[in-house]
Amino acid sequence: MLEKVAEQSANLSRPLTRERALRNAAFLRHLRRIGNVRESARRAGVGYGAIQHRRKACPGFPLRWNAADAMAQEAEDGRRTSEKRGS
């Protein structure tokens, strides 16, 4: 029983530091604008592997990630529609 509790405690992610929270916010901001995960991570100063780990380990982060990605996709779809109308 105690082994399971210790294992579960070890799997909890570290609390967010101010720096991590700011970098996460920067990553999401870039992702909303450009819709590219690798480039957004680079611009936010976070490694691609680290940002993928945060997606799995930080509660709530995947939901915000998906929302930012959807917003980027909607913006891209809107640009494509505008370009078709203008042609």
PDB file of N, CA and C in Angstrom:
ATOM      1  N   MET A   1       0.828  -1.200   0.000  1.00  0.00           N
ATOM      2  CA  MET A   1       0.000   0.000   0.000  1.00  0.00           C
ATOM      3  C   MET A   1       0.870   1.260   0.000  1.00  0.00           C
ATOM      4  N   LEU A   2       1.855   1.307   0.902  1.00  0.00           N
ATOM      5  CA  LEU A   2       2.734   2.470   0.961  1.00  0.00           C
ATOM      6  C   LEU A   2       3.548   2.633  -0.310  1.00  0.00           C
ATOM      7  N   GLU A   3       3.884   1.520  -0.956  1.00  0.00           N
ATOM      8  CA  GLU A   3       4.646   1.599  -2.202  1.00  0.00           C
ATOM      9  C   GLU A   3       3.832   2.289  -3.291  1.00  0.00           C
ATOM     10  N   LYS A   4       2.531   1.999  -3.346  1.00  0.00           N
ATOM     11  CA  LYS A   4       1.679   2.646  -4.341  1.00  0.00           C
ATOM     12  C   LYS A   4       1.584   4.144  -4.089  1.00  0.00           C
ATOM     13  N   VAL A   5       1.443   4.539  -2.838  1.00  0.00           N
ATOM     14  CA  VAL A   5       1.362   5.961  -2.498  1.00  0.00           C
ATOM     15  C   VAL A   5       2.658   6.661  -2.878  1.00  0.00           C
ATOM     16  N   ALA A   6       3.794   6.028  -2.587  1.00  0.00           N
ATOM     17  CA  ALA A   6       5.093   6.616  -2.930  1.00  0.00           C
ATOM     18  C   ALA A   6       5.238   6.734  -4.442  1.00  0.00           C
ATOM     19  N   GLU A   7       4.785   5.722  -5.168  1.00  0.00           N
ATOM     20  CA  GLU A   7       4.870   5.753  -6.620  1.00  0.00           C
ATOM     21  C   GLU A   7       3.988   6.866  -7.191  1.00  0.00           C
ATOM     22  N   GLN A   8       2.782   7.020  -6.674  1.00  0.00           N
ATOM     23  CA  GLN A   8       1.889   8.070  -7.139  1.00  0.00           C
ATOM     24  C   GLN A   8       2.464   9.445  -6.837  1.00  0.00           C
ATOM     25  N   SER A   9       3.063   9.612  -5.661  1.00  0.00           N
ATOM     26  CA  SER A   9       3.670  10.896  -5.297  1.00  0.00           C
ATOM     27  C   SER A   9       4.821  11.239  -6.228  1.00  0.00           C
ATOM     28  N   ALA A  10       5.575  10.238  -6.617  1.00  0.00           N
ATOM     29  CA  ALA A  10       6.713  10.467  -7.509  1.00  0.00           C
ATOM     30  C   ALA A  10       6.249  10.884  -8.895  1.00  0.00           C
ATOM     31  N   ASN A  11       5.045  10.477  -9.284  1.00  0.00           N
ATOM     32  CA  ASN A  11       4.541  10.806 -10.618  1.00  0.00           C
ATOM     33  C   ASN A  11       3.916  12.192 -10.696  1.00  0.00           C
ATOM     34  N   LEU A  12       3.698  12.846  -9.583  1.00  0.00           N
ATOM     35  CA  LEU A  12       3.125  14.184  -9.613  1.00  0.00           C
ATOM     36  C   LEU A  12       4.133  15.161 -10.195  1.00  0.00           C
ATOM     37  N   SER A  13       3.643  16.073 -11.009  1.00  0.00           N
ATOM     38  CA  SER A  13       4.551  17.055 -11.594  1.00  0.00           C
ATOM     39  C   SER A  13       4.940  18.086 -10.538  1.00  0.00           C
ATOM     40  N   ARG A  14       6.097  18.681 -10.749  1.00  0.00           N
ATOM     41  CA  ARG A  14       6.543  19.738  -9.843  1.00  0.00           C
ATOM     42  C   ARG A  14       5.605  20.925  -9.970  1.00  0.00           C
ATOM     43  N   PRO A  15       5.459  21.673  -8.891  1.00  0.00           N
ATOM     44  CA  PRO A  15       4.636  22.884  -9.007  1.00  0.00           C
ATOM     45  C   PRO A  15       5.290  23.856  -9.988  1.00  0.00           C
ATOM     46  N   LEU A  16       4.466  24.616 -10.666  1.00  0.00           N
ATOM     47  CA  LEU A  16       4.991  25.574 -11.634  1.00  0.00           C
ATOM     48  C   LEU A  16       5.720  26.710 -10.939  1.00  0.00           C
ATOM     49  N   THR A  17       6.905  26.982 -11.412  1.00  0.00           N
ATOM     50  CA  THR A  17       7.611  28.175 -10.958  1.00  0.00           C
ATOM     51  C   THR A  17       7.102  29.337 -11.798  1.00  0.00           C
ATOM     52  N   ARG A  18       7.418  30.520 -11.397  1.00  0.00           N
ATOM     53  CA  ARG A  18       7.021  31.700 -12.166  1.00  0.00           C
ATOM     54  C   ARG A  18       7.593  31.640 -13.575  1.00  0.00           C
ATOM     55  N   GLU A  19       8.849  31.231 -13.682  1.00  0.00           N
ATOM     56  CA  GLU A  19       9.498  31.150 -14.992  1.00  0.00           C
ATOM     57  C   GLU A  19       8.805  30.127 -15.894  1.00  0.00           C
ATOM     58  N   ARG A  20       8.475  28.958 -15.348  1.00  0.00           N
ATOM     59  CA  ARG A  20       7.796  27.934 -16.152  1.00  0.00           C
ATOM     60  C   ARG A  20       6.417  28.417 -16.585  1.00  0.00           C
ATOM     61  N   ALA A  21       5.718  29.077 -15.686  1.00  0.00           N
ATOM     62  CA  ALA A  21       4.384  29.590 -16.014  1.00  0.00           C
ATOM     63  C   ALA A  21       4.472  30.627 -17.132  1.00  0.00           C
ATOM     64  N   LEU A  22       5.477  31.500 -17.057  1.00  0.00           N
ATOM     65  CA  LEU A  22       5.655  32.515 -18.101  1.00  0.00           C
ATOM     66  C   LEU A  22       6.025  31.889 -19.444  1.00  0.00           C
ATOM     67  N   ARG A  23       6.887  30.886 -19.402  1.00  0.00           N
ATOM     68  CA  ARG A  23       7.280  30.214 -20.652  1.00  0.00           C
ATOM     69  C   ARG A  23       6.103  29.432 -21.245  1.00  0.00           C
ATOM     70  N   ASN A  24       5.305  28.806 -20.374  1.00  0.00           N
ATOM     71  CA  ASN A  24       4.106  28.118 -20.864  1.00  0.00           C
ATOM     72  C   ASN A  24       3.169  29.108 -21.546  1.00  0.00           C
ATOM     73  N   ALA A  25       2.969  30.254 -20.911  1.00  0.00           N
ATOM     74  CA  ALA A  25       2.093  31.282 -21.481  1.00  0.00           C
ATOM     75  C   ALA A  25       2.649  31.788 -22.811  1.00  0.00           C
ATOM     76  N   ALA A  26       3.965  31.980 -22.881  1.00  0.00           N
ATOM     77  CA  ALA A  26       4.587  32.430 -24.129  1.00  0.00           C
ATOM     78  C   ALA A  26       4.419  31.374 -25.216  1.00  0.00           C
ATOM     79  N   PHE A  27       4.622  30.124 -24.867  1.00  0.00           N
ATOM     80  CA  PHE A  27       4.443  29.039 -25.826  1.00  0.00           C
ATOM     81  C   PHE A  27       3.018  29.048 -26.381  1.00  0.00           C
ATOM     82  N   LEU A  28       2.028  29.137 -25.499  1.00  0.00           N
ATOM     83  CA  LEU A  28       0.629  29.125 -25.939  1.00  0.00           C
ATOM     84  C   LEU A  28       0.302  30.336 -26.809  1.00  0.00           C
ATOM     85  N   ARG A  29       0.867  31.477 -26.458  1.00  0.00           N
ATOM     86  CA  ARG A  29       0.657  32.695 -27.253  1.00  0.00           C
ATOM     87  C   ARG A  29       1.207  32.505 -28.673  1.00  0.00           C
ATOM     88  N   HIS A  30       2.422  31.963 -28.777  1.00  0.00           N
ATOM     89  CA  HIS A  30       3.020  31.715 -30.089  1.00  0.00           C
ATOM     90  C   HIS A  30       2.233  30.648 -30.855  1.00  0.00           C
ATOM     91  N   LEU A  31       1.799  29.624 -30.150  1.00  0.00           N
ATOM     92  CA  LEU A  31       1.042  28.558 -30.812  1.00  0.00           C
ATOM     93  C   LEU A  31      -0.257  29.103 -31.398  1.00  0.00           C
ATOM     94  N   ARG A  32      -0.930  29.987 -30.660  1.00  0.00           N
ATOM     95  CA  ARG A  32      -2.156  30.609 -31.186  1.00  0.00           C
ATOM     96  C   ARG A  32      -1.874  31.387 -32.467  1.00  0.00           C
ATOM     97  N   ARG A  33      -0.714  32.031 -32.527  1.00  0.00           N
ATOM     98  CA  ARG A  33      -0.382  32.876 -33.683  1.00  0.00           C
ATOM     99  C   ARG A  33       0.092  32.092 -34.894  1.00  0.00           C
ATOM    100  N   ILE A  34       0.956  31.085 -34.648  1.00  0.00           N
ATOM    101  CA  ILE A  34       1.587  30.428 -35.795  1.00  0.00           C
ATOM    102  C   ILE A  34       1.156  28.981 -35.999  1.00  0.00           C
ATOM    103  N   GLY A  35       0.605  28.338 -34.982  1.00  0.00           N
ATOM    104  CA  GLY A  35       0.091  26.987 -35.142  1.00  0.00           C
ATOM    105  C   GLY A  35       1.137  25.907 -35.351  1.00  0.00           C
ATOM    106  N   ASN A  36       2.381  26.164 -34.974  1.00  0.00           N
ATOM    107  CA  ASN A  36       3.450  25.185 -35.129  1.00  0.00           C
ATOM    108  C   ASN A  36       4.087  24.950 -33.764  1.00  0.00           C
ATOM    109  N   VAL A  37       4.003  23.724 -33.269  1.00  0.00           N
ATOM    110  CA  VAL A  37       4.460  23.415 -31.915  1.00  0.00           C
ATOM    111  C   VAL A  37       5.962  23.615 -31.765  1.00  0.00           C
ATOM    112  N   ARG A  38       6.753  23.058 -32.683  1.00  0.00           N
ATOM    113  CA  ARG A  38       8.211  23.183 -32.562  1.00  0.00           C
ATOM    114  C   ARG A  38       8.666  24.640 -32.590  1.00  0.00           C
ATOM    115  N   GLU A  39       8.132  25.398 -33.523  1.00  0.00           N
ATOM    116  CA  GLU A  39       8.531  26.799 -33.639  1.00  0.00           C
ATOM    117  C   GLU A  39       8.042  27.608 -32.443  1.00  0.00           C
ATOM    118  N   SER A  40       6.864  27.299 -31.949  1.00  0.00           N
ATOM    119  CA  SER A  40       6.335  27.999 -30.777  1.00  0.00           C
ATOM    120  C   SER A  40       7.199  27.722 -29.549  1.00  0.00           C
ATOM    121  N   ALA A  41       7.618  26.473 -29.388  1.00  0.00           N
ATOM    122  CA  ALA A  41       8.497  26.121 -28.273  1.00  0.00           C
ATOM    123  C   ALA A  41       9.823  26.866 -28.390  1.00  0.00           C
ATOM    124  N   ARG A  42      10.384  26.888 -29.598  1.00  0.00           N
ATOM    125  CA  ARG A  42      11.665  27.578 -29.809  1.00  0.00           C
ATOM    126  C   ARG A  42      11.538  29.054 -29.462  1.00  0.00           C
ATOM    127  N   ARG A  43      10.483  29.701 -29.942  1.00  0.00           N
ATOM    128  CA  ARG A  43      10.294  31.124 -29.676  1.00  0.00           C
ATOM    129  C   ARG A  43      10.067  31.413 -28.196  1.00  0.00           C
ATOM    130  N   ALA A  44       9.488  30.449 -27.488  1.00  0.00           N
ATOM    131  CA  ALA A  44       9.239  30.628 -26.053  1.00  0.00           C
ATOM    132  C   ALA A  44      10.460  30.257 -25.213  1.00  0.00           C
ATOM    133  N   GLY A  45      11.497  29.738 -25.856  1.00  0.00           N
ATOM    134  CA  GLY A  45      12.704  29.353 -25.126  1.00  0.00           C
ATOM    135  C   GLY A  45      12.563  28.046 -24.369  1.00  0.00           C
ATOM    136  N   VAL A  46      11.735  27.147 -24.906  1.00  0.00           N
ATOM    137  CA  VAL A  46      11.498  25.846 -24.272  1.00  0.00           C
ATOM    138  C   VAL A  46      11.830  24.766 -25.290  1.00  0.00           C
ATOM    139  N   GLY A  47      12.500  23.717 -24.847  1.00  0.00           N
ATOM    140  CA  GLY A  47      12.800  22.610 -25.748  1.00  0.00           C
ATOM    141  C   GLY A  47      11.535  21.876 -26.143  1.00  0.00           C
ATOM    142  N   TYR A  48      11.551  21.305 -27.340  1.00  0.00           N
ATOM    143  CA  TYR A  48      10.398  20.572 -27.833  1.00  0.00           C
ATOM    144  C   TYR A  48      10.046  19.414 -26.897  1.00  0.00           C
ATOM    145  N   GLY A  49      11.049  18.679 -26.457  1.00  0.00           N
ATOM    146  CA  GLY A  49      10.816  17.557 -25.538  1.00  0.00           C
ATOM    147  C   GLY A  49      10.230  18.017 -24.221  1.00  0.00           C
ATOM    148  N   ALA A  50      10.725  19.146 -23.739  1.00  0.00           N
ATOM    149  CA  ALA A  50      10.222  19.681 -22.463  1.00  0.00           C
ATOM    150  C   ALA A  50       8.769  20.091 -22.579  1.00  0.00           C
ATOM    151  N   ILE A  51       8.409  20.700 -23.696  1.00  0.00           N
ATOM    152  CA  ILE A  51       7.031  21.158 -23.858  1.00  0.00           C
ATOM    153  C   ILE A  51       6.106  19.952 -24.012  1.00  0.00           C
ATOM    154  N   GLN A  52       6.576  18.906 -24.680  1.00  0.00           N
ATOM    155  CA  GLN A  52       5.770  17.682 -24.783  1.00  0.00           C
ATOM    156  C   GLN A  52       5.585  17.047 -23.406  1.00  0.00           C
ATOM    157  N   HIS A  53       6.644  17.058 -22.602  1.00  0.00           N
ATOM    158  CA  HIS A  53       6.541  16.518 -21.241  1.00  0.00           C
ATOM    159  C   HIS A  53       5.533  17.322 -20.420  1.00  0.00           C
ATOM    160  N   ARG A  54       5.577  18.632 -20.534  1.00  0.00           N
ATOM    161  CA  ARG A  54       4.630  19.472 -19.799  1.00  0.00           C
ATOM    162  C   ARG A  54       3.202  19.180 -20.217  1.00  0.00           C
ATOM    163  N   ARG A  55       3.015  18.878 -21.483  1.00  0.00           N
ATOM    164  CA  ARG A  55       1.663  18.558 -21.962  1.00  0.00           C
ATOM    165  C   ARG A  55       1.113  17.340 -21.235  1.00  0.00           C
ATOM    166  N   LYS A  56       1.991  16.381 -20.974  1.00  0.00           N
ATOM    167  CA  LYS A  56       1.568  15.160 -20.295  1.00  0.00           C
ATOM    168  C   LYS A  56       1.497  15.336 -18.775  1.00  0.00           C
ATOM    169  N   ALA A  57       2.358  16.175 -18.219  1.00  0.00           N
ATOM    170  CA  ALA A  57       2.518  16.221 -16.769  1.00  0.00           C
ATOM    171  C   ALA A  57       1.777  17.351 -16.063  1.00  0.00           C
ATOM    172  N   CYS A  58       1.492  18.431 -16.750  1.00  0.00           N
ATOM    173  CA  CYS A  58       0.889  19.598 -16.090  1.00  0.00           C
ATOM    174  C   CYS A  58      -0.629  19.589 -16.257  1.00  0.00           C
ATOM    175  N   PRO A  59      -1.353  19.492 -15.155  1.00  0.00           N
ATOM    176  CA  PRO A  59      -2.812  19.501 -15.246  1.00  0.00           C
ATOM    177  C   PRO A  59      -3.320  20.785 -15.899  1.00  0.00           C
ATOM    178  N   GLY A  60      -4.253  20.651 -16.789  1.00  0.00           N
ATOM    179  CA  GLY A  60      -4.848  21.808 -17.445  1.00  0.00           C
ATOM    180  C   GLY A  60      -4.089  22.290 -18.669  1.00  0.00           C
ATOM    181  N   PHE A  61      -2.807  21.981 -18.750  1.00  0.00           N
ATOM    182  CA  PHE A  61      -2.012  22.462 -19.875  1.00  0.00           C
ATOM    183  C   PHE A  61      -2.477  21.874 -21.209  1.00  0.00           C
ATOM    184  N   PRO A  62      -2.811  20.583 -21.280  1.00  0.00           N
ATOM    185  CA  PRO A  62      -3.278  20.046 -22.561  1.00  0.00           C
ATOM    186  C   PRO A  62      -4.544  20.737 -23.075  1.00  0.00           C
ATOM    187  N   LEU A  63      -5.427  21.097 -22.184  1.00  0.00           N
ATOM    188  CA  LEU A  63      -6.653  21.784 -22.586  1.00  0.00           C
ATOM    189  C   LEU A  63      -6.336  23.155 -23.188  1.00  0.00           C
ATOM    190  N   ARG A  64      -5.431  23.898 -22.544  1.00  0.00           N
ATOM    191  CA  ARG A  64      -5.036  25.205 -23.066  1.00  0.00           C
ATOM    192  C   ARG A  64      -4.275  25.052 -24.387  1.00  0.00           C
ATOM    193  N   TRP A  65      -3.458  24.013 -24.489  1.00  0.00           N
ATOM    194  CA  TRP A  65      -2.719  23.720 -25.713  1.00  0.00           C
ATOM    195  C   TRP A  65      -3.705  23.465 -26.855  1.00  0.00           C
ATOM    196  N   ASN A  66      -4.695  22.597 -26.621  1.00  0.00           N
ATOM    197  CA  ASN A  66      -5.670  22.271 -27.657  1.00  0.00           C
ATOM    198  C   ASN A  66      -6.466  23.504 -28.085  1.00  0.00           C
ATOM    199  N   ALA A  67      -6.800  24.351 -27.126  1.00  0.00           N
ATOM    200  CA  ALA A  67      -7.538  25.576 -27.444  1.00  0.00           C
ATOM    201  C   ALA A  67      -6.686  26.503 -28.311  1.00  0.00           C
ATOM    202  N   ALA A  68      -5.413  26.664 -27.960  1.00  0.00           N
ATOM    203  CA  ALA A  68      -4.513  27.521 -28.742  1.00  0.00           C
ATOM    204  C   ALA A  68      -4.343  26.967 -30.151  1.00  0.00           C
ATOM    205  N   ASP A  69      -4.214  25.661 -30.259  1.00  0.00           N
ATOM    206  CA  ASP A  69      -4.065  25.022 -31.560  1.00  0.00           C
ATOM    207  C   ASP A  69      -5.325  25.212 -32.406  1.00  0.00           C
ATOM    208  N   ALA A  70      -6.489  25.078 -31.784  1.00  0.00           N
ATOM    209  CA  ALA A  70      -7.752  25.274 -32.497  1.00  0.00           C
ATOM    210  C   ALA A  70      -7.901  26.714 -32.969  1.00  0.00           C
ATOM    211  N   MET A  71      -7.478  27.662 -32.145  1.00  0.00           N
ATOM    212  CA  MET A  71      -7.551  29.071 -32.535  1.00  0.00           C
ATOM    213  C   MET A  71      -6.651  29.344 -33.736  1.00  0.00           C
ATOM    214  N   ALA A  72      -5.469  28.747 -33.742  1.00  0.00           N
ATOM    215  CA  ALA A  72      -4.552  28.918 -34.878  1.00  0.00           C
ATOM    216  C   ALA A  72      -5.168  28.320 -36.139  1.00  0.00           C
ATOM    217  N   GLN A  73      -5.802  27.170 -36.001  1.00  0.00           N
ATOM    218  CA  GLN A  73      -6.429  26.515 -37.150  1.00  0.00           C
ATOM    219  C   GLN A  73      -7.582  27.356 -37.692  1.00  0.00           C
ATOM    220  N   GLU A  74      -8.388  27.911 -36.792  1.00  0.00           N
ATOM    221  CA  GLU A  74      -9.495  28.772 -37.221  1.00  0.00           C
ATOM    222  C   GLU A  74      -8.979  30.008 -37.953  1.00  0.00           C
ATOM    223  N   ALA A  75      -7.916  30.597 -37.428  1.00  0.00           N
ATOM    224  CA  ALA A  75      -7.337  31.773 -38.080  1.00  0.00           C
ATOM    225  C   ALA A  75      -6.824  31.418 -39.465  1.00  0.00           C
ATOM    226  N   GLU A  76      -6.178  30.278 -39.586  1.00  0.00           N
ATOM    227  CA  GLU A  76      -5.667  29.829 -40.887  1.00  0.00           C
ATOM    228  C   GLU A  76      -6.820  29.572 -41.848  1.00  0.00           C
ATOM    229  N   ASP A  77      -7.878  28.934 -41.368  1.00  0.00           N
ATOM    230  CA  ASP A  77      -9.047  28.687 -42.213  1.00  0.00           C
ATOM    231  C   ASP A  77      -9.664  30.007 -42.675  1.00  0.00           C
ATOM    232  N   GLY A  78      -9.710  30.993 -41.789  1.00  0.00           N
ATOM    233  CA  GLY A  78     -10.248  32.307 -42.142  1.00  0.00           C
ATOM    234  C   GLY A  78      -9.402  32.992 -43.192  1.00  0.00           C
ATOM    235  N   ARG A  79      -8.077  32.863 -43.080  1.00  0.00           N
ATOM    236  CA  ARG A  79      -7.186  33.462 -44.090  1.00  0.00           C
ATOM    237  C   ARG A  79      -7.389  32.792 -45.447  1.00  0.00           C
ATOM    238  N   ARG A  80      -7.524  31.487 -45.446  1.00  0.00           N
ATOM    239  CA  ARG A  80      -7.737  30.754 -46.711  1.00  0.00           C
ATOM    240  C   ARG A  80      -9.050  31.175 -47.370  1.00  0.00           C
ATOM    241  N   THR A  81     -10.085  31.314 -46.547  1.00  0.00           N
ATOM    242  CA  THR A  81     -11.390  31.738 -47.081  1.00  0.00           C
ATOM    243  C   THR A  81     -11.291  33.137 -47.671  1.00  0.00           C
ATOM    244  N   SER A  82     -10.599  34.038 -46.969  1.00  0.00           N
ATOM    245  CA  SER A  82     -10.428  35.407 -47.472  1.00  0.00           C
ATOM    246  C   SER A  82      -9.645  35.433 -48.772  1.00  0.00           C
ATOM    247  N   GLU A  83      -8.620  34.591 -48.866  1.00  0.00           N
ATOM    248  CA  GLU A  83      -7.818  34.528 -50.081  1.00  0.00           C
ATOM    249  C   GLU A  83      -8.646  34.012 -51.257  1.00  0.00           C
ATOM    250  N   LYS A  84      -9.512  33.039 -51.006  1.00  0.00           N
ATOM    251  CA  LYS A  84     -10.355  32.510 -52.077  1.00  0.00           C
ATOM    252  C   LYS A  84     -11.340  33.562 -52.561  1.00  0.00           C
ATOM    253  N   ARG A  85     -11.878  34.333 -51.630  1.00  0.00           N
ATOM    254  CA  ARG A  85     -12.833  35.379 -52.001  1.00  0.00           C
ATOM    255  C   ARG A  85     -12.162  36.483 -52.805  1.00  0.00           C
ATOM    256  N   GLY A  86     -10.918  36.768 -52.435  1.00  0.00           N
ATOM    257  CA  GLY A  86     -10.183  37.845 -53.099  1.00  0.00           C
ATOM    258  C   GLY A  86      -9.663  37.471 -54.462  1.00  0.00           C
ATOM    259  N   SER A  87      -9.612  36.187 -54.762  1.00  0.00           N
ATOM    260  CA  SER A  87      -9.067  35.732 -56.051  1.00  0.00           C
ATOM    261  C   SER A  87      -9.987  35.983 -57.195  1.00  0.00           C
TER     262      SER A  87
END
